[in-house]
Amino acid sequence: MQLAVIAAVFPLVFLGELPDKTMFASLVLASRGRPLSVWLGTAVSFAAHVVIAVSVGVALFELLPHRALDGLIAAAFLGGAVYSFAIRNQTDGSTDARAAGSRLRTVATAAAVIFLAEWGDLTQIITADLAAHYHDAVSVGIGSLAALLLVAALAVGAGTGLLRVVSVRTLRLATTVVLTGLGVWALVGAL
């Protein structure tokens, strides 16, 4: 493990992820779900993608058709938009058992959305390239994952703050619009 490599990788991945669709997806998911659960789901997905990127490197992106990945990402975002619209009038809060199930469902939803959205993403490509460049998968993986987790934490924190000033119904409608936009954007990329 080389601290210099970690220090070089962190800002590149952080800046690459900051304006990214997965950051916005995390923010939107946190505005309608339990923030810690969203962050945990996002963290699991980011960790999986970092392992994939540093293990397989650039070869993965040469093997998988980019249009198919964009189509899958579009389907995930559009499915999330439909779901968000369908539950726009539901209120939160019920029994502890339902809340526990809701937490697990939130973790799983965040993990699935971010995992699909992150395929072929700029930061995944950057991570793969840096792992190939430095020949140090561990240091690159640590620097990349730390940057991704910080961006996710910032996005989740912003999503949580929205609930103080905007109703859940309004946020769910906004979620529908944002996810639809991301879905259309990914679909255009697939075509």
C-alpha atoms as a PDB file:
ATOM      1  CA  MET A   1       0.000   0.000   0.000  1.00  0.00           C
ATOM      2  CA  GLN A   2       1.408   3.365  -1.066  1.00  0.00           C
ATOM      3  CA  LEU A   3       0.075   6.566   0.488  1.00  0.00           C
ATOM      4  CA  ALA A   4       1.293   8.607  -2.493  1.00  0.00           C
ATOM      5  CA  VAL A   5      -0.854   6.522  -4.865  1.00  0.00           C
ATOM      6  CA  ILE A   6      -3.884   6.811  -2.566  1.00  0.00           C
ATOM      7  CA  ALA A   7      -3.337  10.598  -2.381  1.00  0.00           C
ATOM      8  CA  ALA A   8      -3.071  10.825  -6.183  1.00  0.00           C
ATOM      9  CA  VAL A   9      -6.166   8.704  -6.834  1.00  0.00           C
ATOM     10  CA  PHE A  10      -8.504  10.284  -4.251  1.00  0.00           C
ATOM     11  CA  PRO A  11      -8.913  13.775  -5.807  1.00  0.00           C
ATOM     12  CA  LEU A  12      -9.250  12.412  -9.347  1.00  0.00           C
ATOM     13  CA  VAL A  13     -12.059  10.049  -8.414  1.00  0.00           C
ATOM     14  CA  PHE A  14     -13.677  12.554  -6.028  1.00  0.00           C
ATOM     15  CA  LEU A  15     -13.849  15.258  -8.683  1.00  0.00           C
ATOM     16  CA  GLY A  16     -14.977  12.736 -11.298  1.00  0.00           C
ATOM     17  CA  GLU A  17     -17.853  11.508  -9.141  1.00  0.00           C
ATOM     18  CA  LEU A  18     -18.978  14.848  -7.720  1.00  0.00           C
ATOM     19  CA  PRO A  19     -21.095  15.961 -10.689  1.00  0.00           C
ATOM     20  CA  ASP A  20     -22.022  12.390 -11.613  1.00  0.00           C
ATOM     21  CA  LYS A  21     -25.475  10.824 -12.061  1.00  0.00           C
ATOM     22  CA  THR A  22     -24.839   8.360  -9.214  1.00  0.00           C
ATOM     23  CA  MET A  23     -24.206  11.242  -6.828  1.00  0.00           C
ATOM     24  CA  PHE A  24     -27.537  12.750  -7.814  1.00  0.00           C
ATOM     25  CA  ALA A  25     -29.227   9.348  -7.570  1.00  0.00           C
ATOM     26  CA  SER A  26     -27.860   8.959  -4.012  1.00  0.00           C
ATOM     27  CA  LEU A  27     -29.139  12.412  -3.110  1.00  0.00           C
ATOM     28  CA  VAL A  28     -32.603  11.637  -4.475  1.00  0.00           C
ATOM     29  CA  LEU A  29     -32.742   8.202  -2.804  1.00  0.00           C
ATOM     30  CA  ALA A  30     -31.715   9.738   0.533  1.00  0.00           C
ATOM     31  CA  SER A  31     -34.450  12.330   0.294  1.00  0.00           C
ATOM     32  CA  ARG A  32     -37.081   9.570   0.327  1.00  0.00           C
ATOM     33  CA  GLY A  33     -35.394   6.769   2.285  1.00  0.00           C
ATOM     34  CA  ARG A  34     -33.396   6.302   5.434  1.00  0.00           C
ATOM     35  CA  PRO A  35     -30.092   8.139   4.842  1.00  0.00           C
ATOM     36  CA  LEU A  36     -27.852   5.586   6.538  1.00  0.00           C
ATOM     37  CA  SER A  37     -29.543   2.767   4.628  1.00  0.00           C
ATOM     38  CA  VAL A  38     -29.071   4.624   1.340  1.00  0.00           C
ATOM     39  CA  TRP A  39     -25.425   5.267   2.168  1.00  0.00           C
ATOM     40  CA  LEU A  40     -24.864   1.601   3.098  1.00  0.00           C
ATOM     41  CA  GLY A  41     -26.428   0.420  -0.158  1.00  0.00           C
ATOM     42  CA  THR A  42     -24.397   2.938  -2.112  1.00  0.00           C
ATOM     43  CA  ALA A  43     -21.234   1.918  -0.259  1.00  0.00           C
ATOM     44  CA  VAL A  44     -21.777  -1.749  -1.112  1.00  0.00           C
ATOM     45  CA  SER A  45     -22.201  -0.911  -4.785  1.00  0.00           C
ATOM     46  CA  PHE A  46     -19.196   1.387  -4.881  1.00  0.00           C
ATOM     47  CA  ALA A  47     -17.046  -1.249  -3.166  1.00  0.00           C
ATOM     48  CA  ALA A  48     -18.121  -3.856  -5.709  1.00  0.00           C
ATOM     49  CA  HIS A  49     -17.355  -1.524  -8.601  1.00  0.00           C
ATOM     50  CA  VAL A  50     -13.941  -0.609  -7.210  1.00  0.00           C
ATOM     51  CA  VAL A  51     -13.062  -4.306  -6.893  1.00  0.00           C
ATOM     52  CA  ILE A  52     -14.257  -4.909 -10.455  1.00  0.00           C
ATOM     53  CA  ALA A  53     -12.371  -1.900 -11.805  1.00  0.00           C
ATOM     54  CA  VAL A  54      -9.047  -2.653 -10.147  1.00  0.00           C
ATOM     55  CA  SER A  55      -9.275  -6.391 -10.781  1.00  0.00           C
ATOM     56  CA  VAL A  56     -10.322  -6.436 -14.376  1.00  0.00           C
ATOM     57  CA  GLY A  57      -9.123  -3.011 -15.482  1.00  0.00           C
ATOM     58  CA  VAL A  58      -9.726  -1.671 -18.908  1.00  0.00           C
ATOM     59  CA  ALA A  59     -10.363  -5.122 -20.467  1.00  0.00           C
ATOM     60  CA  LEU A  60     -13.869  -5.255 -18.955  1.00  0.00           C
ATOM     61  CA  PHE A  61     -14.946  -2.192 -20.878  1.00  0.00           C
ATOM     62  CA  GLU A  62     -13.619  -3.606 -24.132  1.00  0.00           C
ATOM     63  CA  LEU A  63     -15.635  -6.819 -23.676  1.00  0.00           C
ATOM     64  CA  LEU A  64     -19.016  -5.394 -22.667  1.00  0.00           C
ATOM     65  CA  PRO A  65     -21.002  -3.497 -25.287  1.00  0.00           C
ATOM     66  CA  HIS A  66     -21.392   0.088 -24.130  1.00  0.00           C
ATOM     67  CA  ARG A  67     -24.886   0.455 -25.588  1.00  0.00           C
ATOM     68  CA  ALA A  68     -26.165  -2.569 -23.679  1.00  0.00           C
ATOM     69  CA  LEU A  69     -24.826  -1.094 -20.434  1.00  0.00           C
ATOM     70  CA  ASP A  70     -26.467   2.259 -21.145  1.00  0.00           C
ATOM     71  CA  GLY A  71     -29.752   0.482 -21.933  1.00  0.00           C
ATOM     72  CA  LEU A  72     -29.624  -1.399 -18.629  1.00  0.00           C
ATOM     73  CA  ILE A  73     -28.850   1.810 -16.765  1.00  0.00           C
ATOM     74  CA  ALA A  74     -31.758   3.575 -18.499  1.00  0.00           C
ATOM     75  CA  ALA A  75     -34.133   0.757 -17.547  1.00  0.00           C
ATOM     76  CA  ALA A  76     -33.022   0.965 -13.902  1.00  0.00           C
ATOM     77  CA  PHE A  77     -33.571   4.725 -13.713  1.00  0.00           C
ATOM     78  CA  LEU A  78     -36.923   4.595 -15.495  1.00  0.00           C
ATOM     79  CA  GLY A  79     -38.061   1.719 -13.257  1.00  0.00           C
ATOM     80  CA  GLY A  80     -37.089   3.812 -10.233  1.00  0.00           C
ATOM     81  CA  ALA A  81     -39.079   6.739 -11.629  1.00  0.00           C
ATOM     82  CA  VAL A  82     -42.183   4.574 -12.052  1.00  0.00           C
ATOM     83  CA  TYR A  83     -41.792   3.230  -8.508  1.00  0.00           C
ATOM     84  CA  SER A  84     -41.287   6.703  -7.060  1.00  0.00           C
ATOM     85  CA  PHE A  85     -44.385   7.999  -8.827  1.00  0.00           C
ATOM     86  CA  ALA A  86     -46.428   5.007  -7.636  1.00  0.00           C
ATOM     87  CA  ILE A  87     -45.585   5.645  -3.958  1.00  0.00           C
ATOM     88  CA  ARG A  88     -45.786   9.466  -4.057  1.00  0.00           C
ATOM     89  CA  ASN A  89     -48.805   9.582  -1.710  1.00  0.00           C
ATOM     90  CA  GLN A  90     -47.654   6.992   0.800  1.00  0.00           C
ATOM     91  CA  THR A  91     -46.704   8.234   4.220  1.00  0.00           C
ATOM     92  CA  ASP A  92     -43.697   6.965   6.108  1.00  0.00           C
ATOM     93  CA  GLY A  93     -43.815   5.341   9.494  1.00  0.00           C
ATOM     94  CA  SER A  94     -45.498   2.230  10.846  1.00  0.00           C
ATOM     95  CA  THR A  95     -44.575  -0.733  13.002  1.00  0.00           C
ATOM     96  CA  ASP A  96     -40.978  -1.597  13.894  1.00  0.00           C
ATOM     97  CA  ALA A  97     -41.116  -4.760  11.791  1.00  0.00           C
ATOM     98  CA  ARG A  98     -42.168  -2.794   8.732  1.00  0.00           C
ATOM     99  CA  ALA A  99     -39.486  -0.204   9.464  1.00  0.00           C
ATOM    100  CA  ALA A 100     -36.814  -2.920   9.642  1.00  0.00           C
ATOM    101  CA  GLY A 101     -38.024  -4.326   6.334  1.00  0.00           C
ATOM    102  CA  SER A 102     -38.053  -0.823   4.931  1.00  0.00           C
ATOM    103  CA  ARG A 103     -34.418  -0.319   5.967  1.00  0.00           C
ATOM    104  CA  LEU A 104     -33.348  -3.507   4.253  1.00  0.00           C
ATOM    105  CA  ARG A 105     -35.412  -2.622   1.185  1.00  0.00           C
ATOM    106  CA  THR A 106     -33.816   0.843   1.113  1.00  0.00           C
ATOM    107  CA  VAL A 107     -30.301  -0.651   1.310  1.00  0.00           C
ATOM    108  CA  ALA A 108     -31.144  -3.112  -1.466  1.00  0.00           C
ATOM    109  CA  THR A 109     -32.769  -0.457  -3.665  1.00  0.00           C
ATOM    110  CA  ALA A 110     -29.854   1.956  -3.279  1.00  0.00           C
ATOM    111  CA  ALA A 111     -27.365  -0.855  -3.923  1.00  0.00           C
ATOM    112  CA  ALA A 112     -29.167  -1.985  -7.066  1.00  0.00           C
ATOM    113  CA  VAL A 113     -29.703   1.489  -8.523  1.00  0.00           C
ATOM    114  CA  ILE A 114     -26.129   2.606  -7.908  1.00  0.00           C
ATOM    115  CA  PHE A 115     -24.627  -0.731  -9.001  1.00  0.00           C
ATOM    116  CA  LEU A 116     -26.404  -0.569 -12.349  1.00  0.00           C
ATOM    117  CA  ALA A 117     -25.805   3.145 -12.830  1.00  0.00           C
ATOM    118  CA  GLU A 118     -22.089   2.886 -12.101  1.00  0.00           C
ATOM    119  CA  TRP A 119     -21.330   0.444 -14.964  1.00  0.00           C
ATOM    120  CA  GLY A 120     -18.999   2.087 -17.428  1.00  0.00           C
ATOM    121  CA  ASP A 121     -19.081   5.275 -15.375  1.00  0.00           C
ATOM    122  CA  LEU A 122     -16.253   7.790 -15.638  1.00  0.00           C
ATOM    123  CA  THR A 123     -14.964   7.012 -12.142  1.00  0.00           C
ATOM    124  CA  GLN A 124     -14.991   3.270 -12.811  1.00  0.00           C
ATOM    125  CA  ILE A 125     -12.954   3.845 -15.960  1.00  0.00           C
ATOM    126  CA  ILE A 126     -10.628   6.222 -14.094  1.00  0.00           C
ATOM    127  CA  THR A 127     -10.155   3.606 -11.371  1.00  0.00           C
ATOM    128  CA  ALA A 128      -9.402   0.874 -13.921  1.00  0.00           C
ATOM    129  CA  ASP A 129      -6.970   3.135 -15.767  1.00  0.00           C
ATOM    130  CA  LEU A 130      -5.199   4.159 -12.562  1.00  0.00           C
ATOM    131  CA  ALA A 131      -4.919   0.537 -11.416  1.00  0.00           C
ATOM    132  CA  ALA A 132      -3.312  -0.333 -14.753  1.00  0.00           C
ATOM    133  CA  HIS A 133      -1.055   2.739 -14.571  1.00  0.00           C
ATOM    134  CA  TYR A 134       0.178   2.306 -10.991  1.00  0.00           C
ATOM    135  CA  HIS A 135       0.159  -1.525 -10.919  1.00  0.00           C
ATOM    136  CA  ASP A 136      -1.110  -1.193  -7.358  1.00  0.00           C
ATOM    137  CA  ALA A 137      -4.687  -2.423  -7.084  1.00  0.00           C
ATOM    138  CA  VAL A 138      -4.839  -2.049  -3.301  1.00  0.00           C
ATOM    139  CA  SER A 139      -3.723   1.592  -3.144  1.00  0.00           C
ATOM    140  CA  VAL A 140      -5.837   2.585  -6.126  1.00  0.00           C
ATOM    141  CA  GLY A 141      -8.810   0.720  -4.646  1.00  0.00           C
ATOM    142  CA  ILE A 142      -8.454   2.432  -1.273  1.00  0.00           C
ATOM    143  CA  GLY A 143      -8.111   5.913  -2.787  1.00  0.00           C
ATOM    144  CA  SER A 144     -11.003   5.378  -5.171  1.00  0.00           C
ATOM    145  CA  LEU A 145     -13.354   3.862  -2.587  1.00  0.00           C
ATOM    146  CA  ALA A 146     -12.596   6.610  -0.051  1.00  0.00           C
ATOM    147  CA  ALA A 147     -13.469   9.275  -2.637  1.00  0.00           C
ATOM    148  CA  LEU A 148     -16.676   7.521  -3.685  1.00  0.00           C
ATOM    149  CA  LEU A 149     -17.817   7.025  -0.081  1.00  0.00           C
ATOM    150  CA  LEU A 150     -17.220  10.689   0.702  1.00  0.00           C
ATOM    151  CA  VAL A 151     -19.258  11.813  -2.327  1.00  0.00           C
ATOM    152  CA  ALA A 152     -22.052   9.422  -1.297  1.00  0.00           C
ATOM    153  CA  ALA A 153     -21.980  10.801   2.263  1.00  0.00           C
ATOM    154  CA  LEU A 154     -22.216  14.372   0.948  1.00  0.00           C
ATOM    155  CA  ALA A 155     -25.121  13.427  -1.328  1.00  0.00           C
ATOM    156  CA  VAL A 156     -26.981  11.580   1.430  1.00  0.00           C
ATOM    157  CA  GLY A 157     -26.469  14.493   3.817  1.00  0.00           C
ATOM    158  CA  ALA A 158     -27.923  16.912   1.268  1.00  0.00           C
ATOM    159  CA  GLY A 159     -30.878  14.585   0.645  1.00  0.00           C
ATOM    160  CA  THR A 160     -31.613  14.425   4.359  1.00  0.00           C
ATOM    161  CA  GLY A 161     -31.611  18.224   4.674  1.00  0.00           C
ATOM    162  CA  LEU A 162     -34.247  18.518   1.968  1.00  0.00           C
ATOM    163  CA  LEU A 163     -36.808  16.795   4.187  1.00  0.00           C
ATOM    164  CA  ARG A 164     -36.718  19.698   6.605  1.00  0.00           C
ATOM    165  CA  VAL A 165     -38.051  22.124   4.011  1.00  0.00           C
ATOM    166  CA  VAL A 166     -39.931  20.054   1.392  1.00  0.00           C
ATOM    167  CA  SER A 167     -42.754  17.528   1.843  1.00  0.00           C
ATOM    168  CA  VAL A 168     -42.199  13.821   1.147  1.00  0.00           C
ATOM    169  CA  ARG A 169     -44.821  13.908  -1.626  1.00  0.00           C
ATOM    170  CA  THR A 170     -43.068  16.790  -3.375  1.00  0.00           C
ATOM    171  CA  LEU A 171     -39.719  15.031  -3.074  1.00  0.00           C
ATOM    172  CA  ARG A 172     -41.157  11.829  -4.514  1.00  0.00           C
ATOM    173  CA  LEU A 173     -42.538  13.744  -7.477  1.00  0.00           C
ATOM    174  CA  ALA A 174     -39.151  15.440  -7.892  1.00  0.00           C
ATOM    175  CA  THR A 175     -37.510  12.015  -7.632  1.00  0.00           C
ATOM    176  CA  THR A 176     -39.763  10.820 -10.435  1.00  0.00           C
ATOM    177  CA  VAL A 177     -38.723  13.749 -12.627  1.00  0.00           C
ATOM    178  CA  VAL A 178     -34.997  13.370 -11.866  1.00  0.00           C
ATOM    179  CA  LEU A 179     -34.975   9.595 -12.406  1.00  0.00           C
ATOM    180  CA  THR A 180     -36.967   9.995 -15.613  1.00  0.00           C
ATOM    181  CA  GLY A 181     -34.439  12.550 -16.824  1.00  0.00           C
ATOM    182  CA  LEU A 182     -31.516  10.276 -15.935  1.00  0.00           C
ATOM    183  CA  GLY A 183     -33.287   7.366 -17.620  1.00  0.00           C
ATOM    184  CA  VAL A 184     -33.896   9.324 -20.815  1.00  0.00           C
ATOM    185  CA  TRP A 185     -30.290  10.575 -20.756  1.00  0.00           C
ATOM    186  CA  ALA A 186     -28.971   7.008 -20.425  1.00  0.00           C
ATOM    187  CA  LEU A 187     -31.396   5.801 -23.111  1.00  0.00           C
ATOM    188  CA  VAL A 188     -30.179   8.475 -25.533  1.00  0.00           C
ATOM    189  CA  GLY A 189     -26.629   7.330 -24.769  1.00  0.00           C
ATOM    190  CA  ALA A 190     -27.621   3.747 -25.542  1.00  0.00           C
ATOM    191  CA  LEU A 191     -29.003   4.727 -28.933  1.00  0.00           C
END
